[in-house]
C-alpha atoms as a PDB file:
ATOM      1  CA  MET A   1      33.562  -6.057 -10.799  1.00  0.00           C
ATOM      2  CA  ARG A   2      31.360  -7.568  -8.416  1.00  0.00           C
ATOM      3  CA  ILE A   3      32.379  -5.725  -5.453  1.00  0.00           C
ATOM      4  CA  LEU A   4      32.619  -2.980  -6.909  1.00  0.00           C
ATOM      5  CA  LEU A   5      29.481  -2.660  -8.147  1.00  0.00           C
ATOM      6  CA  TYR A   6      27.976  -3.579  -4.345  1.00  0.00           C
ATOM      7  CA  LEU A   7      30.352  -0.725  -2.620  1.00  0.00           C
ATOM      8  CA  ILE A   8      29.019   1.661  -4.933  1.00  0.00           C
ATOM      9  CA  SER A   9      25.810   0.937  -5.296  1.00  0.00           C
ATOM     10  CA  ILE A  10      25.735   1.538  -1.697  1.00  0.00           C
ATOM     11  CA  VAL A  11      27.955   5.002  -1.744  1.00  0.00           C
ATOM     12  CA  THR A  12      24.863   6.225  -4.305  1.00  0.00           C
ATOM     13  CA  ALA A  13      22.071   5.309  -2.269  1.00  0.00           C
ATOM     14  CA  ASN A  14      23.558   7.553   0.376  1.00  0.00           C
ATOM     15  CA  VAL A  15      24.307  10.284  -2.045  1.00  0.00           C
ATOM     16  CA  VAL A  16      21.327  10.659  -4.040  1.00  0.00           C
ATOM     17  CA  THR A  17      19.707  10.417  -0.649  1.00  0.00           C
ATOM     18  CA  ALA A  18      21.055  13.067   0.844  1.00  0.00           C
ATOM     19  CA  ALA A  19      20.731  15.178  -2.565  1.00  0.00           C
ATOM     20  CA  PHE A  20      17.063  14.852  -3.384  1.00  0.00           C
ATOM     21  CA  ALA A  21      14.057  15.017  -1.552  1.00  0.00           C
ATOM     22  CA  PRO A  22      11.839  12.000  -1.114  1.00  0.00           C
ATOM     23  CA  LEU A  23       9.522  10.741  -3.449  1.00  0.00           C
ATOM     24  CA  GLN A  24       5.950  10.902  -2.516  1.00  0.00           C
ATOM     25  CA  LEU A  25       4.266   8.313  -4.063  1.00  0.00           C
ATOM     26  CA  GLY A  26       0.353   8.372  -2.962  1.00  0.00           C
ATOM     27  CA  VAL A  27       0.632   8.787   0.699  1.00  0.00           C
ATOM     28  CA  PHE A  28       3.727   6.060   0.491  1.00  0.00           C
ATOM     29  CA  ILE A  29       7.325   8.520   1.280  1.00  0.00           C
ATOM     30  CA  VAL A  30      11.031   6.360  -0.959  1.00  0.00           C
ATOM     31  CA  PRO A  31      13.758   8.308  -0.320  1.00  0.00           C
ATOM     32  CA  MET A  32      15.238   8.680  -3.771  1.00  0.00           C
ATOM     33  CA  GLY A  33      18.579   5.840  -2.878  1.00  0.00           C
ATOM     34  CA  THR A  34      15.990   3.746  -2.037  1.00  0.00           C
ATOM     35  CA  LEU A  35      16.256   2.700  -5.418  1.00  0.00           C
ATOM     36  CA  PHE A  36      20.040   1.693  -5.162  1.00  0.00           C
ATOM     37  CA  ILE A  37      19.573   0.135  -1.676  1.00  0.00           C
ATOM     38  CA  GLY A  38      17.151  -2.699  -3.366  1.00  0.00           C
ATOM     39  CA  ALA A  39      20.384  -2.944  -5.644  1.00  0.00           C
ATOM     40  CA  THR A  40      22.586  -3.212  -2.431  1.00  0.00           C
ATOM     41  CA  PHE A  41      21.157  -6.661  -2.583  1.00  0.00           C
ATOM     42  CA  ILE A  42      21.735  -7.935  -5.558  1.00  0.00           C
ATOM     43  CA  PHE A  43      24.941  -7.115  -5.695  1.00  0.00           C
ATOM     44  CA  ARG A  44      25.528  -8.396  -2.228  1.00  0.00           C
ATOM     45  CA  ASP A  45      24.353 -12.097  -3.425  1.00  0.00           C
ATOM     46  CA  LEU A  46      25.828 -11.202  -6.802  1.00  0.00           C
ATOM     47  CA  VAL A  47      30.024 -10.671  -4.897  1.00  0.00           C
ATOM     48  CA  GLN A  48      28.365 -13.879  -2.429  1.00  0.00           C
ATOM     49  CA  ASN A  49      28.187 -16.423  -5.023  1.00  0.00           C
ATOM     50  CA  LYS A  50      31.496 -15.477  -6.605  1.00  0.00           C
ATOM     51  CA  TYR A  51      33.855 -14.775  -3.351  1.00  0.00           C
ATOM     52  CA  GLY A  52      31.708 -16.757  -0.144  1.00  0.00           C
ATOM     53  CA  ARG A  53      30.126 -16.286   2.596  1.00  0.00           C
ATOM     54  CA  LYS A  54      33.005 -15.472   4.741  1.00  0.00           C
ATOM     55  CA  LYS A  55      34.777 -13.079   1.959  1.00  0.00           C
ATOM     56  CA  THR A  56      30.968 -11.704   2.161  1.00  0.00           C
ATOM     57  CA  TYR A  57      31.484 -10.421   5.229  1.00  0.00           C
ATOM     58  CA  ILE A  58      34.549  -8.700   4.547  1.00  0.00           C
ATOM     59  CA  PHE A  59      33.063  -6.871   1.993  1.00  0.00           C
ATOM     60  CA  ILE A  60      30.108  -6.104   4.011  1.00  0.00           C
ATOM     61  CA  GLY A  61      32.071  -4.173   6.226  1.00  0.00           C
ATOM     62  CA  THR A  62      34.154  -2.745   4.318  1.00  0.00           C
ATOM     63  CA  ALA A  63      31.102  -0.885   2.960  1.00  0.00           C
ATOM     64  CA  LEU A  64      29.486  -0.741   6.430  1.00  0.00           C
ATOM     65  CA  LEU A  65      32.664   1.492   7.201  1.00  0.00           C
ATOM     66  CA  LEU A  66      32.149   3.134   3.686  1.00  0.00           C
ATOM     67  CA  SER A  67      28.590   4.024   4.096  1.00  0.00           C
ATOM     68  CA  ALA A  68      29.292   5.466   7.648  1.00  0.00           C
ATOM     69  CA  VAL A  69      32.421   7.515   6.288  1.00  0.00           C
ATOM     70  CA  VAL A  70      29.922   8.429   3.080  1.00  0.00           C
ATOM     71  CA  SER A  71      27.111   9.648   5.704  1.00  0.00           C
ATOM     72  CA  SER A  72      29.178  11.738   7.434  1.00  0.00           C
ATOM     73  CA  ILE A  73      30.903  13.681   5.009  1.00  0.00           C
ATOM     74  CA  LEU A  74      27.644  14.527   3.332  1.00  0.00           C
ATOM     75  CA  GLY A  75      26.275  16.611   7.104  1.00  0.00           C
ATOM     76  CA  ASP A  76      23.868  13.389   8.406  1.00  0.00           C
ATOM     77  CA  THR A  77      23.033  13.625  12.119  1.00  0.00           C
ATOM     78  CA  LEU A  78      24.887  11.022  13.866  1.00  0.00           C
ATOM     79  CA  ILE A  79      21.374   9.331  14.862  1.00  0.00           C
ATOM     80  CA  ILE A  80      21.417   9.744  10.543  1.00  0.00           C
ATOM     81  CA  VAL A  81      24.340   7.385  10.982  1.00  0.00           C
ATOM     82  CA  LEU A  82      23.647   5.195  13.200  1.00  0.00           C
ATOM     83  CA  ALA A  83      20.450   4.403  12.161  1.00  0.00           C
ATOM     84  CA  SER A  84      21.334   3.334   8.723  1.00  0.00           C
ATOM     85  CA  ALA A  85      24.731   1.731  10.098  1.00  0.00           C
ATOM     86  CA  LEU A  86      22.492  -0.705  12.094  1.00  0.00           C
ATOM     87  CA  SER A  87      20.093  -0.971   9.406  1.00  0.00           C
ATOM     88  CA  PHE A  88      22.382  -2.179   7.364  1.00  0.00           C
ATOM     89  CA  VAL A  89      24.392  -4.941   9.166  1.00  0.00           C
ATOM     90  CA  VAL A  90      21.113  -7.039  10.218  1.00  0.00           C
ATOM     91  CA  ALA A  91      19.628  -6.087   6.588  1.00  0.00           C
ATOM     92  CA  GLU A  92      22.935  -7.841   5.045  1.00  0.00           C
ATOM     93  CA  THR A  93      23.172 -10.230   7.273  1.00  0.00           C
ATOM     94  CA  THR A  94      20.269 -11.536   6.841  1.00  0.00           C
ATOM     95  CA  ASP A  95      19.806 -11.424   3.801  1.00  0.00           C
ATOM     96  CA  THR A  96      23.759 -13.529   3.543  1.00  0.00           C
ATOM     97  CA  GLU A  97      22.656 -15.800   6.042  1.00  0.00           C
ATOM     98  CA  ILE A  98      18.719 -16.942   4.260  1.00  0.00           C
ATOM     99  CA  TYR A  99      20.297 -16.924   0.830  1.00  0.00           C
ATOM    100  CA  THR A 100      23.389 -19.361   2.061  1.00  0.00           C
ATOM    101  CA  ARG A 101      20.287 -21.173   3.618  1.00  0.00           C
ATOM    102  CA  LEU A 102      17.684 -21.658   0.370  1.00  0.00           C
ATOM    103  CA  LYS A 103      18.567 -24.618  -1.590  1.00  0.00           C
ATOM    104  CA  LEU A 104      16.773 -22.930  -4.592  1.00  0.00           C
ATOM    105  CA  PRO A 105      17.578 -21.971  -8.365  1.00  0.00           C
ATOM    106  CA  MET A 106      19.532 -18.320  -7.582  1.00  0.00           C
ATOM    107  CA  SER A 107      16.781 -16.152  -9.061  1.00  0.00           C
ATOM    108  CA  LEU A 108      14.803 -17.129  -6.248  1.00  0.00           C
ATOM    109  CA  ARG A 109      17.097 -17.007  -2.903  1.00  0.00           C
ATOM    110  CA  VAL A 110      18.249 -13.544  -4.989  1.00  0.00           C
ATOM    111  CA  PHE A 111      14.506 -12.537  -4.264  1.00  0.00           C
ATOM    112  CA  TYR A 112      13.793 -14.395  -0.719  1.00  0.00           C
ATOM    113  CA  SER A 113      16.485 -13.413   1.039  1.00  0.00           C
ATOM    114  CA  GLY A 114      16.783  -9.628  -0.503  1.00  0.00           C
ATOM    115  CA  ILE A 115      13.148  -8.855   0.488  1.00  0.00           C
ATOM    116  CA  VAL A 116      13.965  -9.942   4.385  1.00  0.00           C
ATOM    117  CA  GLY A 117      16.567  -7.845   3.445  1.00  0.00           C
ATOM    118  CA  GLY A 118      14.289  -5.205   2.436  1.00  0.00           C
ATOM    119  CA  LEU A 119      12.086  -5.248   5.061  1.00  0.00           C
ATOM    120  CA  LEU A 120      14.666  -5.323   8.289  1.00  0.00           C
ATOM    121  CA  ASP A 121      16.275  -2.389   6.358  1.00  0.00           C
ATOM    122  CA  SER A 122      12.916  -0.043   5.873  1.00  0.00           C
ATOM    123  CA  VAL A 123      11.706  -0.643   8.957  1.00  0.00           C
ATOM    124  CA  LEU A 124      14.993  -0.269  11.618  1.00  0.00           C
ATOM    125  CA  PHE A 125      15.961   2.736   9.648  1.00  0.00           C
ATOM    126  CA  VAL A 126      12.398   4.369   9.220  1.00  0.00           C
ATOM    127  CA  ILE A 127      11.994   3.416  12.983  1.00  0.00           C
ATOM    128  CA  ILE A 128      15.275   4.721  14.499  1.00  0.00           C
ATOM    129  CA  GLY A 129      16.506   7.028  12.186  1.00  0.00           C
ATOM    130  CA  LEU A 130      13.225   9.003  10.660  1.00  0.00           C
ATOM    131  CA  SER A 131      10.757   8.917  13.556  1.00  0.00           C
ATOM    132  CA  PRO A 132      10.017  11.055  16.185  1.00  0.00           C
ATOM    133  CA  LEU A 133      12.442   8.066  17.637  1.00  0.00           C
ATOM    134  CA  GLY A 134      15.414   9.111  16.084  1.00  0.00           C
ATOM    135  CA  ALA A 135      15.587  11.644  14.381  1.00  0.00           C
ATOM    136  CA  ASN A 136      12.421  13.461  14.122  1.00  0.00           C
ATOM    137  CA  PHE A 137      12.189  14.099  10.774  1.00  0.00           C
ATOM    138  CA  LEU A 138       8.495  12.109  10.063  1.00  0.00           C
ATOM    139  CA  PRO A 139       6.013  12.297  12.710  1.00  0.00           C
ATOM    140  CA  TRP A 140       4.330   8.689  13.181  1.00  0.00           C
ATOM    141  CA  GLU A 141       1.861   8.879  11.385  1.00  0.00           C
ATOM    142  CA  ALA A 142       3.978   8.724   8.412  1.00  0.00           C
ATOM    143  CA  VAL A 143       6.126   5.778  10.030  1.00  0.00           C
ATOM    144  CA  PRO A 144       4.539   3.279   8.179  1.00  0.00           C
ATOM    145  CA  ALA A 145       3.959   5.106   5.105  1.00  0.00           C
ATOM    146  CA  ALA A 146       7.076   5.041   4.798  1.00  0.00           C
ATOM    147  CA  ILE A 147       8.410   1.530   5.346  1.00  0.00           C
ATOM    148  CA  LEU A 148       6.053   0.777   3.347  1.00  0.00           C
ATOM    149  CA  GLY A 149       6.528   2.958   0.400  1.00  0.00           C
ATOM    150  CA  GLN A 150      10.149   1.700   0.516  1.00  0.00           C
ATOM    151  CA  VAL A 151       9.574  -1.910   0.872  1.00  0.00           C
ATOM    152  CA  ILE A 152       7.491  -1.538  -1.550  1.00  0.00           C
ATOM    153  CA  VAL A 153      10.122  -0.231  -4.425  1.00  0.00           C
ATOM    154  CA  LYS A 154      12.950  -2.632  -2.516  1.00  0.00           C
ATOM    155  CA  THR A 155      10.717  -5.874  -3.636  1.00  0.00           C
ATOM    156  CA  ILE A 156       9.801  -4.647  -7.163  1.00  0.00           C
ATOM    157  CA  ILE A 157      13.544  -3.913  -7.843  1.00  0.00           C
ATOM    158  CA  GLN A 158      14.239  -7.693  -6.260  1.00  0.00           C
ATOM    159  CA  ALA A 159      11.384  -8.712  -8.471  1.00  0.00           C
ATOM    160  CA  VAL A 160      13.296  -7.390 -11.775  1.00  0.00           C
ATOM    161  CA  ALA A 161      16.604  -8.841 -10.987  1.00  0.00           C
ATOM    162  CA  ALA A 162      15.131 -11.927 -10.270  1.00  0.00           C
ATOM    163  CA  LEU A 163      13.784 -12.580 -13.778  1.00  0.00           C
ATOM    164  CA  ILE A 164      16.362 -11.030 -15.163  1.00  0.00           C
ATOM    165  CA  LEU A 165      18.888 -13.765 -13.295  1.00  0.00           C
ATOM    166  CA  GLY A 166      16.696 -16.476 -14.108  1.00  0.00           C
ATOM    167  CA  LEU A 167      16.551 -15.618 -17.478  1.00  0.00           C
ATOM    168  CA  VAL A 168      20.123 -14.937 -17.267  1.00  0.00           C
ATOM    169  CA  TYR A 169      21.080 -18.748 -15.987  1.00  0.00           C
ATOM    170  CA  LYS A 170      18.440 -20.029 -18.010  1.00  0.00           C
ATOM    171  CA  SER A 171      19.802 -19.435 -21.108  1.00  0.00           C
ATOM    172  CA  THR A 172      23.055 -20.123 -20.612  1.00  0.00           C
ATOM    173  CA  ASN A 173      22.080 -23.367 -18.718  1.00  0.00           C
ATOM    174  CA  LYS A 174      20.698 -24.095 -22.662  1.00  0.00           C
ATOM    175  CA  ASN A 175      23.593 -23.031 -23.855  1.00  0.00           C
ATOM    176  CA  VAL A 176      25.646 -24.971 -21.765  1.00  0.00           C
ATOM    177  CA  VAL A 177      23.950 -28.152 -22.436  1.00  0.00           C
ATOM    178  CA  SER A 178      23.589 -27.522 -25.749  1.00  0.00           C
ATOM    179  CA  ASN A 179      27.462 -26.799 -27.113  1.00  0.00           C
ATOM    180  CA  LEU A 180      28.046 -30.020 -24.937  1.00  0.00           C
END
């Protein structure tokens, strides 16, 4: 189920980003798929918890191929597909390695690794894919607002997930201890 949620969140992010105009929240520009991209880091961490780091890289590779195919089917330009793939590989790999190395409770590992992964994903995708360097959808003046808008949304998603996971694992551990 974790793997399915991980793969579905990636495909959904691509479809939603292609289907809906970005949100303009004050000065911030947030593609609608950002809500689902934030979830991919959480689901990837859950996949890693269950299957381990090595198998997680197989799922990241599968997700990368699936994402590229879906982006192509949706009519994304080659530069958008490449920017998406590059930002995805860098962000997911970084998230995986940070998550692996942190010796903290799961909720904090999800939060910290997701923040870094989300930041890298946002910076790389906006600069390589959307700026004048890439598809030229955004002028350079709008690039910082686009990056910051995505980072804020992804950080909020990570924080909410970390809180929920912290509560779930806390109550699970209490139940386990009280049942002993």
